[in-house]
Amino acid sequence: MSKRRVLPLAAALLTAVASSVALPAIAQTEFAPTPLSPDQVGSGPRLIYLHHEYPATLDPQNTSAFVGQLAMEFFDTLVTYEIDPATGIADQTRIVPRLASSWDISADNKVLTFHLNPAAKFWDGSPVTADDVYWSIERALVGRMGWGTTQIETGGIFKVDQMKVVDPETLEITYPDGLGRYALRNFASMSLTVMSKAACEAGRTAEDTWCVEWIKKNAMGSGPYMLGEQRNGEYLTAVANKAYWGDAKPFYSEVMFRVVPDAQTRMLLMESGEADIAFMTPNEYAVLSKSPNTKVFSVPSQQDVAVLRWKPDVPPFDDPKIREAVIKAIPYERLVTEVCKGFCTPVQNLVGVNTPGYVADPEFTTDVEAAKKLVAESKYAGNVPAFEVPVVQGSGNMTAGVIIQDALRGIGLDMQIKPLTQNAFDDIAWGKRDLKVSIHSMGPWWNDFMYWAYWMYRTDSATNHIQFSNATLDKDVLAALLVPQDDTETYGKLQTEVLDILNGEHLAAPLYQVNWNAAVSSRICNVNKFPWGTITFSWLRPCA
């Protein structure tokens, strides 16, 4: 058996690609959690983190952006990702210990055995055991916890009988088809954070088998911050766990997650120095990038490509010349400038610019004359049917839609924008999955194109809003889940086949790559980025 503490999964590293907004000077320093003396742990001032909404639950298996950040503070995962010391960005191809001090993979690649760190403790002082890990995964698989369940299954765990508690510090997991591409690194995702089984059973009601109601307002984790005071709809606090067992000890005494719905108000609070961390829109980042009180970070998100996509059997997109004409007419540079204010990244493929396999495709270049010629050659020449694009009123997609609408009028196409409330849009997109044409971006957990395609285009995927269906694509994206990380040849063949379907048939236009943008107080250093845009607060330190 192979004993592994640090496991390089591939040669390709997750790298920050500079956008039109330069990274601040701190991005050029070494990123690591500076060691603290016992009296320094939790001794720092309170941080104010601004967010636009209050979490409906603290459940790490039913995540929102807010809960995702909280989950990574309150709970620990079995493993985690190594931080690139040059950029501060988590490298998903390098796995390092967290709750598990080591792990074994059997010679036939079918059994993964985790050995827990005996020092790991929950906030109440009880040890983190293999039974807690088993229960946390069982909760998602049997209790069907939405996104968390799907995420766990993506890593190859579908049934609880694949898991075996060997002893309090050892958990064995069997993969009948072998460990797949995401099997090990999935244990660093927020869906596989470890919760206290005993705390749940003590706090839940008899009807609340899986603590769904209990965990809306309660938590018992082993992470560097503990749940503190809550005021529904206004704020909640995370208090430093001064007895944290892990290496990255928290310096800041408390993080107040304060709800401020209005983006401009969040900007003003950051600009005045009254808040420390916030996420906003490009308009506000553009202002804050000039403020001495704030640093603005902007790097391409992993495989988060905003696309205009359509059902190829719906007029006028049932004609491939119309599909190609739309791709040629889109003003890509204008989108980056006017929609993102420079806080996104140009991309010329459905593969992200910092994702393995990216090659700029000249097909995705604005050429209005070529677009007009294609329309004239189509079966709809002179009489192209109008089509509708539902978007959320006031969103970035609305702004992109208006720009695309203007460009398409120039080649004789009538794209009608249907503004909707968020709830109305969600009902059509997520409830009915009934968008004939869609402007959509999705930041997947993994920096892999095939995982993105799995969610965006697989026939029964929740994010396949246009109900696209292709048997070959379905087969390939499922097969990709089982390809080991180091088998780049097999994975590459599958990716090429799917790209040939999507790009070769002109089924979508990549508008731009979404950036991870964050505004952080100039007083704070060692800012880092984990998947889904979470920041590890226990790494943060005051600037010298």
Protein backbone atom coordinates (compact mmCIF):
# COMPACT_ATOMS: atom_id res chain seq x y z
CA MET A 1 0.00 0.00 0.00
CA SER A 2 1.17 3.54 -0.69
CA LYS A 3 1.53 5.86 2.30
CA ARG A 4 0.73 9.46 1.38
CA ARG A 5 0.80 12.72 3.30
CA VAL A 6 1.12 15.15 0.40
CA LEU A 7 -0.14 13.92 -2.94
CA PRO A 8 0.61 15.75 -6.22
CA LEU A 9 -2.29 14.84 -8.49
CA ALA A 10 -1.02 16.44 -11.71
CA ALA A 11 1.80 18.53 -13.09
CA ALA A 12 -0.49 21.41 -14.08
CA LEU A 13 -0.88 24.00 -11.31
CA LEU A 14 -3.82 26.30 -10.70
CA THR A 15 -2.33 29.65 -11.59
CA ALA A 16 -3.55 33.20 -11.22
CA VAL A 17 -3.83 34.95 -14.57
CA ALA A 18 -3.62 38.72 -14.30
CA SER A 19 -6.71 40.63 -15.39
CA SER A 20 -6.83 44.20 -16.54
CA VAL A 21 -6.88 45.13 -12.85
CA ALA A 22 -3.44 44.63 -11.33
CA LEU A 23 -3.16 42.56 -8.17
CA PRO A 24 -2.02 44.52 -5.12
CA ALA A 25 1.53 44.23 -3.86
CA ILE A 26 0.59 41.68 -1.19
CA ALA A 27 -0.04 39.12 -3.98
CA GLN A 28 3.73 39.04 -4.59
CA THR A 29 4.59 37.93 -1.05
CA GLU A 30 4.81 34.47 0.50
CA PHE A 31 1.39 33.17 1.53
CA ALA A 32 1.42 31.10 4.70
CA PRO A 33 -0.28 31.26 8.11
CA THR A 34 2.32 33.00 10.27
CA PRO A 35 2.86 31.02 13.50
CA LEU A 36 1.37 32.58 16.62
CA SER A 37 2.41 32.30 20.24
CA PRO A 38 -0.33 30.99 22.58
CA ASP A 39 -1.12 34.49 23.84
CA GLN A 40 -1.50 35.81 20.26
CA VAL A 41 -4.19 33.31 19.24
CA GLY A 42 -7.51 35.14 19.00
CA SER A 43 -5.94 38.36 20.31
CA GLY A 44 -6.56 40.54 17.25
CA PRO A 45 -9.40 42.99 16.61
CA ARG A 46 -12.80 42.09 15.20
CA LEU A 47 -13.19 41.87 11.42
CA ILE A 48 -16.34 43.09 9.69
CA TYR A 49 -17.38 41.00 6.67
CA LEU A 50 -20.22 42.48 4.62
CA HIS A 51 -22.69 40.29 2.79
CA HIS A 52 -25.91 40.95 0.91
CA GLU A 53 -28.07 38.32 2.60
CA TYR A 54 -28.55 36.42 5.85
CA PRO A 55 -28.06 32.64 5.65
CA ALA A 56 -31.21 30.53 5.76
CA THR A 57 -29.14 27.74 7.32
CA LEU A 58 -25.64 27.00 8.60
CA ASP A 59 -25.71 23.61 6.87
CA PRO A 60 -22.48 23.01 4.89
CA GLN A 61 -24.30 20.43 2.75
CA ASN A 62 -26.97 22.92 1.69
CA THR A 63 -24.69 25.73 0.66
CA SER A 64 -24.98 29.29 -0.49
CA ALA A 65 -22.03 31.63 -0.96
CA PHE A 66 -22.49 32.87 2.61
CA VAL A 67 -22.78 29.41 4.13
CA GLY A 68 -19.79 28.23 2.12
CA GLN A 69 -17.57 30.81 3.77
CA LEU A 70 -18.95 29.96 7.21
CA ALA A 71 -18.59 26.24 6.60
CA MET A 72 -14.88 26.51 5.98
CA GLU A 73 -14.45 28.39 9.28
CA PHE A 74 -16.71 26.29 11.50
CA PHE A 75 -15.88 22.83 10.18
CA ASP A 76 -12.80 20.93 9.08
CA THR A 77 -12.36 18.63 6.10
CA LEU A 78 -10.28 15.45 5.99
CA VAL A 79 -7.81 17.03 3.58
CA THR A 80 -7.30 20.46 2.09
CA TYR A 81 -5.56 22.14 -0.85
CA GLU A 82 -2.05 23.49 -0.79
CA ILE A 83 -1.86 27.25 -1.24
CA ASP A 84 0.39 28.50 -4.03
CA PRO A 85 2.86 30.64 -2.05
CA ALA A 86 3.31 33.06 -4.96
CA THR A 87 -0.37 33.85 -5.58
CA GLY A 88 -2.36 32.88 -2.48
CA ILE A 89 -4.63 30.68 -4.63
CA ALA A 90 -5.48 27.12 -3.64
CA ASP A 91 -3.97 24.52 -5.95
CA GLN A 92 -6.52 21.75 -6.29
CA THR A 93 -3.95 19.42 -7.78
CA ARG A 94 -2.00 19.23 -4.51
CA ILE A 95 -3.70 17.64 -1.52
CA VAL A 96 -2.40 18.11 2.02
CA PRO A 97 -3.58 16.80 5.42
CA ARG A 98 -6.20 18.42 7.61
CA LEU A 99 -8.32 16.17 9.85
CA ALA A 100 -6.58 13.18 8.28
CA SER A 101 -2.89 13.14 9.09
CA SER A 102 -2.30 10.56 6.35
CA TRP A 103 -4.08 8.21 3.97
CA ASP A 104 -3.44 4.97 2.08
CA ILE A 105 -4.56 3.93 -1.39
CA SER A 106 -4.59 0.21 -2.11
CA ALA A 107 -2.50 -1.24 -4.92
CA ASP A 108 -5.60 -1.92 -7.03
CA ASN A 109 -6.71 1.75 -6.59
CA LYS A 110 -10.05 0.70 -5.08
CA VAL A 111 -9.68 1.34 -1.35
CA LEU A 112 -8.92 4.69 0.28
CA THR A 113 -8.11 4.62 3.99
CA PHE A 114 -7.95 7.78 6.09
CA HIS A 115 -6.05 8.00 9.39
CA LEU A 116 -7.41 10.81 11.56
CA ASN A 117 -5.22 13.13 13.57
CA PRO A 118 -5.78 12.17 17.27
CA ALA A 119 -5.31 15.85 18.22
CA ALA A 120 -8.42 16.92 16.29
CA LYS A 121 -11.15 18.13 18.67
CA PHE A 122 -14.62 19.61 18.31
CA TRP A 123 -15.34 22.91 20.05
CA ASP A 124 -16.73 21.05 23.07
CA GLY A 125 -13.44 19.19 23.50
CA SER A 126 -14.65 15.82 22.23
CA PRO A 127 -12.44 14.02 19.69
CA VAL A 128 -13.27 13.99 15.98
CA THR A 129 -13.76 10.31 15.18
CA ALA A 130 -14.22 8.15 12.12
CA ASP A 131 -17.83 7.72 13.23
CA ASP A 132 -18.38 11.49 12.87
CA VAL A 133 -16.92 11.37 9.36
CA TYR A 134 -19.11 8.38 8.45
CA TRP A 135 -22.22 10.08 9.83
CA SER A 136 -21.52 13.37 8.05
CA ILE A 137 -21.34 11.58 4.69
CA GLU A 138 -24.25 9.29 5.53
CA ARG A 139 -26.34 12.38 6.32
CA ALA A 140 -25.93 13.66 2.76
CA LEU A 141 -26.37 10.32 1.00
CA VAL A 142 -29.40 9.09 2.96
CA GLY A 143 -30.88 12.44 3.91
CA ARG A 144 -30.47 13.77 0.33
CA MET A 145 -29.04 17.19 1.16
CA GLY A 146 -29.24 18.75 -2.29
CA TRP A 147 -26.01 20.15 -3.70
CA GLY A 148 -23.93 18.41 -1.03
CA THR A 149 -25.31 15.02 -2.00
CA THR A 150 -24.47 15.54 -5.67
CA GLN A 151 -20.99 16.77 -4.79
CA ILE A 152 -20.27 13.66 -2.73
CA GLU A 153 -21.57 11.39 -5.47
CA THR A 154 -19.38 13.19 -8.01
CA GLY A 155 -16.41 11.90 -6.02
CA GLY A 156 -17.61 8.31 -6.37
CA ILE A 157 -19.42 7.66 -3.06
CA PHE A 158 -23.01 6.64 -3.79
CA LYS A 159 -23.86 4.26 -0.94
CA VAL A 160 -23.05 4.18 2.76
CA ASP A 161 -21.94 0.55 2.50
CA GLN A 162 -18.87 1.80 0.61
CA MET A 163 -17.65 3.17 3.97
CA LYS A 164 -16.32 1.22 6.94
CA VAL A 165 -15.25 2.51 10.37
CA VAL A 166 -12.19 0.43 11.19
CA ASP A 167 -11.51 2.11 14.55
CA PRO A 168 -12.10 5.60 16.03
CA GLU A 169 -9.23 7.04 14.00
CA THR A 170 -9.55 5.03 10.78
CA LEU A 171 -12.13 5.18 7.99
CA GLU A 172 -12.01 2.94 4.93
CA ILE A 173 -13.83 3.78 1.67
CA THR A 174 -14.22 1.37 -1.24
CA TYR A 175 -14.63 2.46 -4.85
CA PRO A 176 -15.78 -0.54 -6.94
CA ASP A 177 -14.64 1.12 -10.19
CA GLY A 178 -11.48 2.56 -8.67
CA LEU A 179 -10.71 6.03 -7.33
CA GLY A 180 -11.80 8.54 -9.94
CA ARG A 181 -10.61 11.99 -10.86
CA TYR A 182 -12.25 13.71 -7.89
CA ALA A 183 -12.26 10.92 -5.28
CA LEU A 184 -9.49 12.17 -2.99
CA ARG A 185 -9.68 15.90 -3.58
CA ASN A 186 -13.45 15.86 -3.03
CA PHE A 187 -12.70 15.43 0.67
CA ALA A 188 -11.50 19.05 0.71
CA SER A 189 -14.88 20.39 -0.47
CA MET A 190 -17.35 22.02 1.89
CA SER A 191 -19.87 19.24 1.25
CA LEU A 192 -17.53 16.85 3.06
CA THR A 193 -16.90 18.96 6.14
CA VAL A 194 -17.16 16.91 9.33
CA MET A 195 -19.89 17.65 11.87
CA SER A 196 -20.39 16.28 15.36
CA LYS A 197 -22.82 13.38 15.35
CA ALA A 198 -23.26 13.55 19.13
CA ALA A 199 -24.11 17.27 19.10
CA CYS A 200 -26.71 16.74 16.42
CA GLU A 201 -28.36 13.84 18.22
CA ALA A 202 -28.44 15.83 21.46
CA GLY A 203 -30.00 18.92 19.85
CA ARG A 204 -32.42 17.60 17.26
CA THR A 205 -36.05 16.67 17.66
CA ALA A 206 -37.29 13.14 17.06
CA GLU A 207 -38.70 14.19 13.69
CA ASP A 208 -35.50 15.92 12.59
CA THR A 209 -33.48 12.78 11.83
CA TRP A 210 -30.68 14.51 9.97
CA CYS A 211 -30.60 17.77 11.96
CA VAL A 212 -31.91 19.84 9.06
CA GLU A 213 -33.81 22.16 11.40
CA TRP A 214 -31.23 22.08 14.20
CA ILE A 215 -28.34 23.12 11.99
CA LYS A 216 -30.20 26.15 10.64
CA LYS A 217 -29.18 28.00 13.81
CA ASN A 218 -26.70 25.64 15.50
CA ALA A 219 -23.30 24.15 14.74
CA MET A 220 -20.68 21.97 16.37
CA GLY A 221 -17.50 21.84 14.37
CA SER A 222 -13.77 21.52 14.90
CA GLY A 223 -12.74 24.58 12.87
CA PRO A 224 -10.70 27.67 13.80
CA TYR A 225 -13.80 29.80 14.39
CA MET A 226 -16.86 28.96 16.49
CA LEU A 227 -20.46 30.09 16.12
CA GLY A 228 -21.11 33.17 18.25
CA GLU A 229 -23.97 35.65 18.59
CA GLN A 230 -26.74 35.70 15.98
CA ARG A 231 -29.36 38.33 15.18
CA ASN A 232 -31.64 37.02 12.45
CA GLY A 233 -31.49 39.07 9.27
CA GLU A 234 -28.81 41.42 10.63
CA TYR A 235 -25.59 39.65 11.59
CA LEU A 236 -23.92 36.64 13.10
CA THR A 237 -20.47 36.30 14.58
CA ALA A 238 -17.69 33.75 14.34
CA VAL A 239 -15.48 33.72 17.44
CA ALA A 240 -11.84 32.57 17.42
CA ASN A 241 -11.36 29.03 18.68
CA LYS A 242 -8.35 29.65 20.94
CA ALA A 243 -7.99 25.90 21.47
CA TYR A 244 -7.93 25.15 17.74
CA TRP A 245 -5.98 21.97 17.16
CA GLY A 246 -4.79 22.77 13.60
CA ASP A 247 -1.67 24.58 12.39
CA ALA A 248 -3.34 27.75 11.08
CA LYS A 249 -4.30 29.42 14.36
CA PRO A 250 -6.73 32.35 14.13
CA PHE A 251 -5.33 35.79 14.98
CA TYR A 252 -8.49 37.87 14.71
CA SER A 253 -10.72 37.51 17.75
CA GLU A 254 -14.02 37.60 15.91
CA VAL A 255 -15.53 37.95 12.45
CA MET A 256 -18.88 39.72 12.28
CA PHE A 257 -20.85 38.70 9.20
CA ARG A 258 -23.00 41.78 8.75
CA VAL A 259 -25.87 41.90 6.27
CA VAL A 260 -25.82 44.98 4.02
CA PRO A 261 -28.04 44.32 0.97
CA ASP A 262 -27.07 47.42 -1.01
CA ALA A 263 -23.76 47.12 -2.90
CA GLN A 264 -23.09 50.85 -2.85
CA THR A 265 -23.51 50.96 0.91
CA ARG A 266 -21.03 48.09 1.23
CA MET A 267 -18.63 50.08 -0.90
CA LEU A 268 -18.97 53.19 1.27
CA LEU A 269 -18.35 51.17 4.44
CA MET A 270 -15.22 49.67 2.90
CA GLU A 271 -14.01 53.02 1.61
CA SER A 272 -14.42 54.64 5.03
CA GLY A 273 -12.51 51.84 6.74
CA GLU A 274 -15.56 50.74 8.78
CA ALA A 275 -15.56 47.26 7.20
CA ASP A 276 -12.81 44.81 6.30
CA ILE A 277 -14.04 42.37 3.63
CA ALA A 278 -16.83 42.66 1.05
CA PHE A 279 -17.97 41.35 -2.31
CA MET A 280 -19.73 43.71 -4.71
CA THR A 281 -20.21 44.50 -8.39
CA PRO A 282 -17.63 45.83 -10.88
CA ASN A 283 -18.89 49.39 -10.44
CA GLU A 284 -17.98 49.38 -6.76
CA TYR A 285 -14.68 47.56 -7.27
CA ALA A 286 -13.66 50.21 -9.79
CA VAL A 287 -14.13 52.90 -7.13
CA LEU A 288 -12.46 50.94 -4.33
CA SER A 289 -9.41 50.12 -6.44
CA LYS A 290 -8.48 53.80 -6.05
CA SER A 291 -9.07 53.92 -2.28
CA PRO A 292 -6.06 53.88 0.10
CA ASN A 293 -8.16 51.96 2.63
CA THR A 294 -8.90 49.02 0.35
CA LYS A 295 -7.15 46.43 -1.81
CA VAL A 296 -9.13 44.89 -4.67
CA PHE A 297 -8.22 41.38 -5.76
CA SER A 298 -9.27 40.24 -9.24
CA VAL A 299 -8.25 36.91 -10.81
CA PRO A 300 -10.07 34.56 -13.21
CA SER A 301 -12.33 32.09 -11.42
CA GLN A 302 -11.66 28.48 -12.27
CA GLN A 303 -13.61 27.31 -15.34
CA ASP A 304 -16.25 29.99 -14.71
CA VAL A 305 -17.07 30.98 -18.28
CA ALA A 306 -20.16 33.12 -18.89
CA VAL A 307 -21.90 31.86 -22.01
CA LEU A 308 -24.78 32.65 -24.32
CA ARG A 309 -26.26 29.26 -25.18
CA TRP A 310 -29.32 28.01 -27.02
CA LYS A 311 -31.29 24.90 -27.90
CA PRO A 312 -30.20 23.96 -31.41
CA ASP A 313 -33.67 22.71 -32.41
CA VAL A 314 -35.44 26.01 -31.66
CA PRO A 315 -35.79 28.67 -34.43
CA PRO A 316 -33.73 30.49 -35.51
CA PHE A 317 -30.98 28.38 -33.88
CA ASP A 318 -32.02 25.28 -35.78
CA ASP A 319 -29.95 26.72 -38.63
CA PRO A 320 -26.19 26.31 -37.92
CA LYS A 321 -25.42 29.41 -39.97
CA ILE A 322 -27.51 31.53 -37.60
CA ARG A 323 -25.70 29.98 -34.64
CA GLU A 324 -22.33 30.82 -36.17
CA ALA A 325 -23.53 34.31 -37.13
CA VAL A 326 -24.47 35.09 -33.52
CA ILE A 327 -21.04 33.94 -32.34
CA LYS A 328 -19.35 36.20 -34.91
CA ALA A 329 -21.54 39.23 -34.09
CA ILE A 330 -20.96 39.31 -30.32
CA PRO A 331 -18.74 42.28 -29.27
CA TYR A 332 -16.49 40.38 -26.87
CA GLU A 333 -14.19 43.28 -25.96
CA ARG A 334 -17.16 45.55 -25.27
CA LEU A 335 -18.60 42.99 -22.84
CA VAL A 336 -15.39 42.88 -20.83
CA THR A 337 -15.18 46.67 -20.76
CA GLU A 338 -18.82 47.61 -20.15
CA VAL A 339 -20.28 44.66 -18.23
CA CYS A 340 -17.26 43.88 -16.07
CA LYS A 341 -15.49 47.26 -16.05
CA GLY A 342 -12.35 45.20 -16.60
CA PHE A 343 -13.08 42.91 -13.62
CA CYS A 344 -13.41 39.80 -15.79
CA THR A 345 -11.08 38.16 -18.29
CA PRO A 346 -11.32 37.74 -22.09
CA VAL A 347 -11.73 34.09 -23.09
CA GLN A 348 -11.87 32.46 -26.53
CA ASN A 349 -13.17 29.01 -25.72
CA LEU A 350 -15.65 27.25 -23.46
CA VAL A 351 -12.59 26.03 -21.56
CA GLY A 352 -11.48 28.62 -19.00
CA VAL A 353 -8.24 30.55 -19.50
CA ASN A 354 -6.58 28.99 -16.43
CA THR A 355 -8.11 25.53 -16.95
CA PRO A 356 -6.09 22.61 -18.37
CA GLY A 357 -6.73 22.31 -22.10
CA TYR A 358 -7.40 25.98 -22.86
CA VAL A 359 -6.50 27.04 -26.39
CA ALA A 360 -7.75 30.33 -27.81
CA ASP A 361 -10.18 29.52 -30.65
CA PRO A 362 -10.31 32.20 -33.38
CA GLU A 363 -13.93 31.22 -33.99
CA PHE A 364 -14.81 33.40 -31.00
CA THR A 365 -13.69 36.67 -32.58
CA THR A 366 -15.99 39.53 -33.53
CA ASP A 367 -16.45 39.73 -37.31
CA VAL A 368 -19.64 41.61 -38.18
CA GLU A 369 -19.27 41.30 -41.94
CA ALA A 370 -18.83 37.53 -41.70
CA ALA A 371 -21.90 37.40 -39.44
CA LYS A 372 -24.02 39.32 -41.98
CA LYS A 373 -22.90 36.97 -44.75
CA LEU A 374 -23.86 33.90 -42.70
CA VAL A 375 -27.34 35.33 -42.02
CA ALA A 376 -27.79 36.00 -45.73
CA GLU A 377 -26.80 32.39 -46.50
CA SER A 378 -29.15 30.91 -43.89
CA LYS A 379 -32.59 29.50 -44.57
CA TYR A 380 -34.03 32.48 -42.68
CA ALA A 381 -32.39 35.12 -44.90
CA GLY A 382 -34.48 38.29 -44.81
CA ASN A 383 -36.98 36.85 -42.32
CA VAL A 384 -35.16 35.68 -39.18
CA PRO A 385 -37.60 34.79 -36.35
CA ALA A 386 -37.27 36.85 -33.19
CA PHE A 387 -36.16 35.05 -30.04
CA GLU A 388 -36.42 35.83 -26.33
CA VAL A 389 -33.85 35.78 -23.54
CA PRO A 390 -35.19 35.90 -19.94
CA VAL A 391 -32.77 37.61 -17.52
CA VAL A 392 -32.90 38.94 -13.98
CA GLN A 393 -33.72 42.63 -13.92
CA GLY A 394 -30.69 44.77 -13.00
CA SER A 395 -28.20 41.89 -13.13
CA GLY A 396 -24.89 41.74 -14.98
CA ASN A 397 -26.58 39.33 -17.39
CA MET A 398 -29.12 42.04 -18.17
CA THR A 399 -26.30 44.44 -19.07
CA ALA A 400 -24.67 41.77 -21.24
CA GLY A 401 -28.01 41.03 -22.88
CA VAL A 402 -28.54 44.66 -23.85
CA ILE A 403 -25.09 44.86 -25.46
CA ILE A 404 -25.62 41.58 -27.36
CA GLN A 405 -29.11 42.71 -28.41
CA ASP A 406 -27.65 45.88 -29.90
CA ALA A 407 -24.98 43.92 -31.79
CA LEU A 408 -27.43 41.37 -33.20
CA ARG A 409 -29.71 44.11 -34.53
CA GLY A 410 -26.76 45.12 -36.69
CA ILE A 411 -26.89 41.78 -38.51
CA GLY A 412 -30.69 41.61 -38.78
CA LEU A 413 -31.55 39.51 -35.71
CA ASP A 414 -34.22 40.54 -33.20
CA MET A 415 -33.23 39.36 -29.72
CA GLN A 416 -35.89 40.34 -27.20
CA ILE A 417 -34.93 40.66 -23.55
CA LYS A 418 -37.49 39.55 -20.97
CA PRO A 419 -36.69 41.14 -17.57
CA LEU A 420 -37.78 39.03 -14.60
CA THR A 421 -37.54 39.12 -10.83
CA GLN A 422 -35.02 36.70 -9.35
CA ASN A 423 -37.81 34.43 -8.10
CA ALA A 424 -39.57 34.37 -11.48
CA PHE A 425 -36.31 33.65 -13.27
CA ASP A 426 -35.41 30.87 -10.82
CA ASP A 427 -38.79 29.23 -11.42
CA ILE A 428 -38.19 29.09 -15.17
CA ALA A 429 -34.46 28.30 -15.09
CA TRP A 430 -34.23 25.97 -12.08
CA GLY A 431 -37.80 24.83 -11.54
CA LYS A 432 -38.98 24.22 -15.09
CA ARG A 433 -35.56 24.24 -16.82
CA ASP A 434 -37.30 25.93 -19.71
CA LEU A 435 -34.99 28.53 -21.26
CA LYS A 436 -34.70 28.34 -25.04
CA VAL A 437 -31.81 30.82 -24.90
CA SER A 438 -29.75 31.49 -21.78
CA ILE A 439 -27.02 33.78 -20.50
CA HIS A 440 -25.42 31.83 -17.70
CA SER A 441 -22.20 31.38 -15.73
CA MET A 442 -21.43 28.69 -13.21
CA GLY A 443 -18.30 28.45 -11.10
CA PRO A 444 -17.76 24.69 -10.61
CA TRP A 445 -15.89 23.31 -7.63
CA TRP A 446 -13.26 21.70 -9.85
CA ASN A 447 -11.08 23.52 -12.36
CA ASP A 448 -11.95 20.98 -15.05
CA PHE A 449 -13.86 21.66 -18.25
CA MET A 450 -15.56 18.26 -18.24
CA TYR A 451 -16.93 18.84 -14.75
CA TRP A 452 -18.33 22.17 -15.98
CA ALA A 453 -19.88 20.41 -19.00
CA TYR A 454 -21.27 17.75 -16.64
CA TRP A 455 -23.31 20.46 -14.89
CA MET A 456 -24.07 22.75 -17.83
CA TYR A 457 -24.96 20.24 -20.55
CA ARG A 458 -25.65 16.77 -19.13
CA THR A 459 -29.25 15.87 -19.98
CA ASP A 460 -30.64 15.71 -16.45
CA SER A 461 -28.42 18.33 -14.80
CA ALA A 462 -30.11 20.99 -12.69
CA THR A 463 -28.06 23.71 -14.39
CA ASN A 464 -28.89 22.52 -17.92
CA HIS A 465 -31.57 25.24 -18.14
CA ILE A 466 -31.99 24.85 -21.92
CA GLN A 467 -32.62 21.07 -21.66
CA PHE A 468 -29.89 20.28 -24.16
CA SER A 469 -29.43 16.55 -24.70
CA ASN A 470 -26.70 14.62 -26.46
CA ALA A 471 -26.03 10.95 -25.73
CA THR A 472 -22.32 11.14 -26.55
CA LEU A 473 -21.81 14.15 -24.31
CA ASP A 474 -23.69 12.45 -21.47
CA LYS A 475 -21.52 9.35 -21.80
CA ASP A 476 -18.28 11.33 -21.96
CA VAL A 477 -18.87 13.64 -18.98
CA LEU A 478 -19.81 10.68 -16.80
CA ALA A 479 -16.77 8.71 -17.98
CA ALA A 480 -14.52 11.68 -17.18
CA LEU A 481 -15.45 11.41 -13.49
CA LEU A 482 -13.65 8.07 -13.33
CA VAL A 483 -10.48 9.11 -15.16
CA PRO A 484 -7.53 9.38 -12.72
CA GLN A 485 -6.04 12.85 -12.45
CA ASP A 486 -2.72 11.78 -13.96
CA ASP A 487 -4.31 10.10 -17.00
CA THR A 488 -4.30 13.25 -19.10
CA GLU A 489 -4.45 11.34 -22.40
CA THR A 490 -7.78 9.61 -21.70
CA TYR A 491 -9.26 12.74 -20.17
CA GLY A 492 -8.03 14.84 -23.11
CA LYS A 493 -9.74 12.59 -25.65
CA LEU A 494 -13.05 12.89 -23.82
CA GLN A 495 -12.67 16.66 -23.52
CA THR A 496 -11.87 17.00 -27.23
CA GLU A 497 -14.95 14.99 -28.17
CA VAL A 498 -17.23 17.16 -26.03
CA LEU A 499 -15.64 20.37 -27.32
CA ASP A 500 -16.16 19.14 -30.88
CA ILE A 501 -19.86 18.77 -30.09
CA LEU A 502 -20.24 22.16 -28.43
CA ASN A 503 -17.80 24.29 -30.42
CA GLY A 504 -17.97 22.32 -33.65
CA GLU A 505 -21.76 22.63 -33.78
CA HIS A 506 -21.69 26.30 -32.66
CA LEU A 507 -23.85 25.60 -29.62
CA ALA A 508 -22.66 28.43 -27.35
CA ALA A 509 -20.62 31.62 -27.27
CA PRO A 510 -18.17 32.24 -24.40
CA LEU A 511 -18.77 35.87 -23.43
CA TYR A 512 -16.01 36.31 -20.85
CA GLN A 513 -14.41 34.50 -17.94
CA VAL A 514 -15.84 35.54 -14.61
CA ASN A 515 -13.25 36.82 -12.15
CA TRP A 516 -13.07 36.23 -8.42
CA ASN A 517 -13.17 39.77 -7.08
CA ALA A 518 -12.84 40.77 -3.45
CA ALA A 519 -12.36 44.02 -1.58
CA VAL A 520 -10.21 43.72 1.54
CA SER A 521 -9.03 46.30 4.04
CA SER A 522 -5.49 47.55 3.45
CA ARG A 523 -4.81 46.65 7.09
CA ILE A 524 -5.14 42.92 6.34
CA CYS A 525 -2.51 40.74 4.68
CA ASN A 526 -2.13 37.09 3.63
CA VAL A 527 -5.41 37.14 1.71
CA ASN A 528 -5.96 33.78 -0.01
CA LYS A 529 -8.52 32.21 -2.34
CA PHE A 530 -10.04 28.78 -1.98
CA PRO A 531 -12.62 27.27 -4.36
CA TRP A 532 -16.01 29.00 -4.47
CA GLY A 533 -14.31 32.24 -3.49
CA THR A 534 -13.88 31.45 0.19
CA ILE A 535 -11.09 33.07 2.19
CA THR A 536 -9.41 31.17 5.02
CA PHE A 537 -9.74 33.63 7.88
CA SER A 538 -7.33 31.76 10.14
CA TRP A 539 -4.56 32.63 7.66
CA LEU A 540 -5.20 36.38 7.79
CA ARG A 541 -2.71 38.56 9.62
CA PRO A 542 -2.33 42.33 10.10
CA CYS A 543 -0.01 44.02 7.63
CA ALA A 544 3.33 45.07 9.07
